[in-house]
Amino acid sequence: MPQIFLHIDMVLAALVGNPKATLEKFMAEAEEGKQELLVLELALFCAVCSVQSEDLVDWARFARLLRCATIVPGPKPFEWPTPDEIAHWREVVLGPS
């Protein structure tokens, strides 16, 4: 079965992205057993750090991602993402602000 690593932008998309995001296809195929989704702990950390107070978080979709993905340990301690990194990931997921 193919393994697909989801990067920070894809994890952030699960939290605050468009309901028709590419992530939906990946999750559906993982649920059907066609592929295995892998998420680094660092990607989870950075995605959660990128959520802002005014965001509408889709907790059901995020929970679905966590159910169909394998969390992969990474190096620790994590560095806090910079404001520029957060702005970049948010722009990838939500478009220019």
N, C-alpha and C. Protein backbone atom coordinates (compact mmCIF):
# COMPACT_ATOMS: atom_id res chain seq x y z
N MET A 1 0.85 -1.17 0.00
CA MET A 1 0.00 0.00 0.00
C MET A 1 0.90 1.24 0.00
N PRO A 2 0.61 2.19 -0.86
CA PRO A 2 1.42 3.41 -0.90
C PRO A 2 1.29 4.20 0.40
N GLN A 3 2.39 4.82 0.80
CA GLN A 3 2.40 5.70 1.97
C GLN A 3 2.56 7.14 1.49
N ILE A 4 1.73 8.02 2.04
CA ILE A 4 1.76 9.42 1.67
C ILE A 4 1.95 10.26 2.93
N PHE A 5 3.04 11.03 2.96
CA PHE A 5 3.26 11.96 4.06
C PHE A 5 2.46 13.23 3.79
N LEU A 6 1.67 13.65 4.75
CA LEU A 6 0.94 14.90 4.65
C LEU A 6 1.75 15.99 5.35
N HIS A 7 1.96 17.07 4.65
CA HIS A 7 2.75 18.17 5.19
C HIS A 7 1.86 19.12 5.98
N ILE A 8 2.47 20.12 6.53
CA ILE A 8 1.78 21.06 7.43
C ILE A 8 0.55 21.66 6.78
N ASP A 9 0.66 22.05 5.52
CA ASP A 9 -0.49 22.68 4.86
C ASP A 9 -1.69 21.74 4.77
N MET A 10 -1.44 20.45 4.58
CA MET A 10 -2.56 19.50 4.49
C MET A 10 -3.21 19.29 5.86
N VAL A 11 -2.40 19.27 6.91
CA VAL A 11 -2.97 19.14 8.26
C VAL A 11 -3.75 20.41 8.61
N LEU A 12 -3.21 21.56 8.26
CA LEU A 12 -3.93 22.82 8.50
C LEU A 12 -5.24 22.84 7.71
N ALA A 13 -5.22 22.29 6.51
CA ALA A 13 -6.45 22.22 5.70
C ALA A 13 -7.52 21.39 6.41
N ALA A 14 -7.11 20.37 7.14
CA ALA A 14 -8.08 19.57 7.90
C ALA A 14 -8.74 20.42 8.99
N LEU A 15 -7.98 21.34 9.54
CA LEU A 15 -8.49 22.19 10.61
C LEU A 15 -9.35 23.34 10.10
N VAL A 16 -8.87 24.07 9.10
CA VAL A 16 -9.55 25.32 8.71
C VAL A 16 -9.77 25.46 7.20
N GLY A 17 -9.45 24.46 6.43
CA GLY A 17 -9.52 24.58 4.98
C GLY A 17 -10.91 24.41 4.39
N ASN A 18 -10.96 24.61 3.10
CA ASN A 18 -12.18 24.44 2.32
C ASN A 18 -12.65 22.99 2.42
N PRO A 19 -13.95 22.77 2.63
CA PRO A 19 -14.47 21.40 2.72
C PRO A 19 -14.20 20.54 1.47
N LYS A 20 -13.92 21.17 0.34
CA LYS A 20 -13.65 20.40 -0.89
C LYS A 20 -12.16 20.32 -1.18
N ALA A 21 -11.34 20.51 -0.15
CA ALA A 21 -9.89 20.50 -0.33
C ALA A 21 -9.41 19.13 -0.79
N THR A 22 -8.24 19.11 -1.41
CA THR A 22 -7.62 17.86 -1.88
C THR A 22 -7.51 16.84 -0.77
N LEU A 23 -7.39 17.31 0.45
CA LEU A 23 -7.28 16.41 1.60
C LEU A 23 -8.43 15.41 1.65
N GLU A 24 -9.61 15.81 1.25
CA GLU A 24 -10.77 14.92 1.28
C GLU A 24 -10.52 13.66 0.45
N LYS A 25 -9.90 13.82 -0.70
CA LYS A 25 -9.59 12.67 -1.57
C LYS A 25 -8.61 11.73 -0.87
N PHE A 26 -7.57 12.32 -0.26
CA PHE A 26 -6.58 11.50 0.45
C PHE A 26 -7.22 10.73 1.59
N MET A 27 -8.08 11.39 2.37
CA MET A 27 -8.71 10.70 3.49
C MET A 27 -9.65 9.60 3.01
N ALA A 28 -10.40 9.87 1.96
CA ALA A 28 -11.32 8.85 1.44
C ALA A 28 -10.54 7.62 0.97
N GLU A 29 -9.44 7.83 0.28
CA GLU A 29 -8.65 6.69 -0.20
C GLU A 29 -7.99 5.95 0.96
N ALA A 30 -7.60 6.65 2.01
CA ALA A 30 -7.03 6.00 3.19
C ALA A 30 -8.10 5.16 3.89
N GLU A 31 -9.30 5.70 3.98
CA GLU A 31 -10.39 4.96 4.62
C GLU A 31 -10.77 3.72 3.82
N GLU A 32 -10.57 3.75 2.51
CA GLU A 32 -10.84 2.59 1.65
C GLU A 32 -9.68 1.61 1.62
N GLY A 33 -8.58 1.93 2.32
CA GLY A 33 -7.42 1.06 2.36
C GLY A 33 -6.55 1.13 1.12
N LYS A 34 -6.71 2.18 0.32
CA LYS A 34 -5.92 2.31 -0.90
C LYS A 34 -4.55 2.93 -0.66
N GLN A 35 -4.39 3.63 0.47
CA GLN A 35 -3.11 4.26 0.80
C GLN A 35 -3.06 4.48 2.31
N GLU A 36 -1.84 4.69 2.80
CA GLU A 36 -1.64 5.00 4.21
C GLU A 36 -1.17 6.44 4.33
N LEU A 37 -1.86 7.21 5.15
CA LEU A 37 -1.48 8.59 5.38
C LEU A 37 -0.56 8.66 6.59
N LEU A 38 0.52 9.39 6.46
CA LEU A 38 1.48 9.58 7.55
C LEU A 38 1.59 11.06 7.84
N VAL A 39 1.61 11.39 9.13
CA VAL A 39 1.71 12.79 9.55
C VAL A 39 2.79 12.88 10.62
N LEU A 40 3.79 13.69 10.37
CA LEU A 40 4.82 13.92 11.38
C LEU A 40 4.24 14.71 12.55
N GLU A 41 4.70 14.38 13.76
CA GLU A 41 4.27 15.15 14.93
C GLU A 41 4.51 16.64 14.71
N LEU A 42 5.63 16.96 14.07
CA LEU A 42 5.96 18.36 13.81
C LEU A 42 4.89 19.03 12.94
N ALA A 43 4.36 18.30 11.97
CA ALA A 43 3.30 18.86 11.11
C ALA A 43 2.04 19.15 11.93
N LEU A 44 1.70 18.26 12.85
CA LEU A 44 0.56 18.51 13.73
C LEU A 44 0.79 19.76 14.57
N PHE A 45 1.97 19.83 15.17
CA PHE A 45 2.31 20.96 16.03
C PHE A 45 2.22 22.27 15.26
N CYS A 46 2.85 22.33 14.10
CA CYS A 46 2.88 23.57 13.32
C CYS A 46 1.50 23.95 12.80
N ALA A 47 0.70 22.97 12.40
CA ALA A 47 -0.65 23.25 11.92
C ALA A 47 -1.51 23.83 13.03
N VAL A 48 -1.44 23.23 14.21
CA VAL A 48 -2.23 23.74 15.34
C VAL A 48 -1.76 25.14 15.73
N CYS A 49 -0.45 25.38 15.68
CA CYS A 49 0.09 26.71 15.97
C CYS A 49 -0.39 27.75 14.96
N SER A 50 -0.80 27.32 13.79
CA SER A 50 -1.21 28.23 12.72
C SER A 50 -2.68 28.62 12.79
N VAL A 51 -3.45 27.96 13.64
CA VAL A 51 -4.87 28.31 13.79
C VAL A 51 -4.97 29.63 14.54
N GLN A 52 -5.83 30.51 14.05
CA GLN A 52 -6.03 31.82 14.66
C GLN A 52 -7.41 31.90 15.30
N SER A 53 -7.56 32.81 16.23
CA SER A 53 -8.79 32.89 17.02
C SER A 53 -10.05 33.09 16.17
N GLU A 54 -9.92 33.74 15.04
CA GLU A 54 -11.11 33.98 14.20
C GLU A 54 -11.43 32.82 13.25
N ASP A 55 -10.58 31.80 13.23
CA ASP A 55 -10.80 30.66 12.34
C ASP A 55 -11.99 29.82 12.79
N LEU A 56 -12.72 29.32 11.81
CA LEU A 56 -13.78 28.34 12.07
C LEU A 56 -13.13 26.97 11.89
N VAL A 57 -12.92 26.27 13.00
CA VAL A 57 -12.21 24.99 12.96
C VAL A 57 -13.21 23.86 12.73
N ASP A 58 -12.88 22.99 11.79
CA ASP A 58 -13.70 21.82 11.48
C ASP A 58 -13.16 20.64 12.30
N TRP A 59 -13.63 20.54 13.54
CA TRP A 59 -13.12 19.50 14.45
C TRP A 59 -13.45 18.10 13.95
N ALA A 60 -14.60 17.93 13.29
CA ALA A 60 -14.97 16.61 12.78
C ALA A 60 -13.99 16.16 11.69
N ARG A 61 -13.63 17.06 10.79
CA ARG A 61 -12.70 16.70 9.73
C ARG A 61 -11.30 16.43 10.31
N PHE A 62 -10.88 17.24 11.29
CA PHE A 62 -9.59 17.02 11.93
C PHE A 62 -9.57 15.67 12.64
N ALA A 63 -10.64 15.33 13.33
CA ALA A 63 -10.73 14.01 13.99
C ALA A 63 -10.70 12.89 12.96
N ARG A 64 -11.36 13.09 11.84
CA ARG A 64 -11.34 12.09 10.76
C ARG A 64 -9.92 11.89 10.26
N LEU A 65 -9.17 12.98 10.07
CA LEU A 65 -7.78 12.86 9.65
C LEU A 65 -6.98 12.05 10.67
N LEU A 66 -7.15 12.36 11.94
CA LEU A 66 -6.39 11.64 12.97
C LEU A 66 -6.75 10.15 13.01
N ARG A 67 -8.00 9.81 12.70
CA ARG A 67 -8.41 8.40 12.68
C ARG A 67 -7.81 7.64 11.50
N CYS A 68 -7.61 8.31 10.37
CA CYS A 68 -7.15 7.59 9.18
C CYS A 68 -5.66 7.79 8.88
N ALA A 69 -4.96 8.48 9.77
CA ALA A 69 -3.53 8.72 9.55
C ALA A 69 -2.72 8.07 10.67
N THR A 70 -1.47 7.79 10.36
CA THR A 70 -0.52 7.32 11.35
C THR A 70 0.36 8.51 11.73
N ILE A 71 0.46 8.76 13.03
CA ILE A 71 1.30 9.85 13.52
C ILE A 71 2.72 9.32 13.66
N VAL A 72 3.66 10.01 13.03
CA VAL A 72 5.06 9.58 13.00
C VAL A 72 5.88 10.50 13.91
N PRO A 73 6.62 9.91 14.86
CA PRO A 73 7.45 10.76 15.72
C PRO A 73 8.52 11.48 14.92
N GLY A 74 8.90 12.61 15.42
CA GLY A 74 9.95 13.39 14.77
C GLY A 74 10.95 13.87 15.81
N PRO A 75 11.94 14.61 15.37
CA PRO A 75 12.94 15.12 16.31
C PRO A 75 12.32 16.11 17.28
N LYS A 76 12.83 16.10 18.48
CA LYS A 76 12.33 17.03 19.50
C LYS A 76 13.52 17.72 20.12
N PRO A 77 13.40 18.86 20.71
CA PRO A 77 12.16 19.64 20.82
C PRO A 77 11.84 20.35 19.51
N PHE A 78 10.56 20.68 19.36
CA PHE A 78 10.13 21.40 18.17
C PHE A 78 10.47 22.87 18.32
N GLU A 79 10.79 23.48 17.21
CA GLU A 79 10.96 24.93 17.16
C GLU A 79 9.57 25.53 16.89
N TRP A 80 9.25 26.64 17.56
CA TRP A 80 8.01 27.33 17.26
C TRP A 80 8.09 27.86 15.83
N PRO A 81 7.02 27.73 15.07
CA PRO A 81 7.05 28.29 13.72
C PRO A 81 7.11 29.82 13.77
N THR A 82 7.76 30.38 12.79
CA THR A 82 7.87 31.84 12.72
C THR A 82 6.57 32.42 12.16
N PRO A 83 6.33 33.69 12.40
CA PRO A 83 5.14 34.32 11.80
C PRO A 83 5.12 34.21 10.27
N ASP A 84 6.29 34.28 9.63
CA ASP A 84 6.35 34.15 8.17
C ASP A 84 5.95 32.74 7.73
N GLU A 85 6.40 31.72 8.46
CA GLU A 85 6.02 30.35 8.12
C GLU A 85 4.52 30.16 8.27
N ILE A 86 3.97 30.65 9.37
CA ILE A 86 2.53 30.54 9.60
C ILE A 86 1.76 31.26 8.50
N ALA A 87 2.19 32.45 8.14
CA ALA A 87 1.52 33.20 7.07
C ALA A 87 1.56 32.42 5.76
N HIS A 88 2.71 31.78 5.47
CA HIS A 88 2.83 31.00 4.24
C HIS A 88 1.84 29.83 4.24
N TRP A 89 1.81 29.05 5.30
CA TRP A 89 0.92 27.89 5.35
C TRP A 89 -0.53 28.31 5.25
N ARG A 90 -0.88 29.41 5.93
CA ARG A 90 -2.26 29.90 5.86
C ARG A 90 -2.61 30.36 4.45
N GLU A 91 -1.66 30.99 3.77
CA GLU A 91 -1.92 31.43 2.40
C GLU A 91 -2.11 30.23 1.47
N VAL A 92 -1.33 29.18 1.67
CA VAL A 92 -1.49 27.97 0.85
C VAL A 92 -2.89 27.38 1.04
N VAL A 93 -3.34 27.36 2.28
CA VAL A 93 -4.63 26.72 2.59
C VAL A 93 -5.83 27.65 2.32
N LEU A 94 -5.71 28.91 2.69
CA LEU A 94 -6.86 29.82 2.64
C LEU A 94 -6.80 30.84 1.52
N GLY A 95 -5.66 30.92 0.84
CA GLY A 95 -5.49 31.93 -0.19
C GLY A 95 -4.96 33.22 0.42
N PRO A 96 -4.62 34.19 -0.42
CA PRO A 96 -4.08 35.44 0.09
C PRO A 96 -5.11 36.15 0.99
N SER A 97 -4.59 36.78 2.02
CA SER A 97 -5.51 37.50 2.93
C SER A 97 -5.62 38.96 2.59
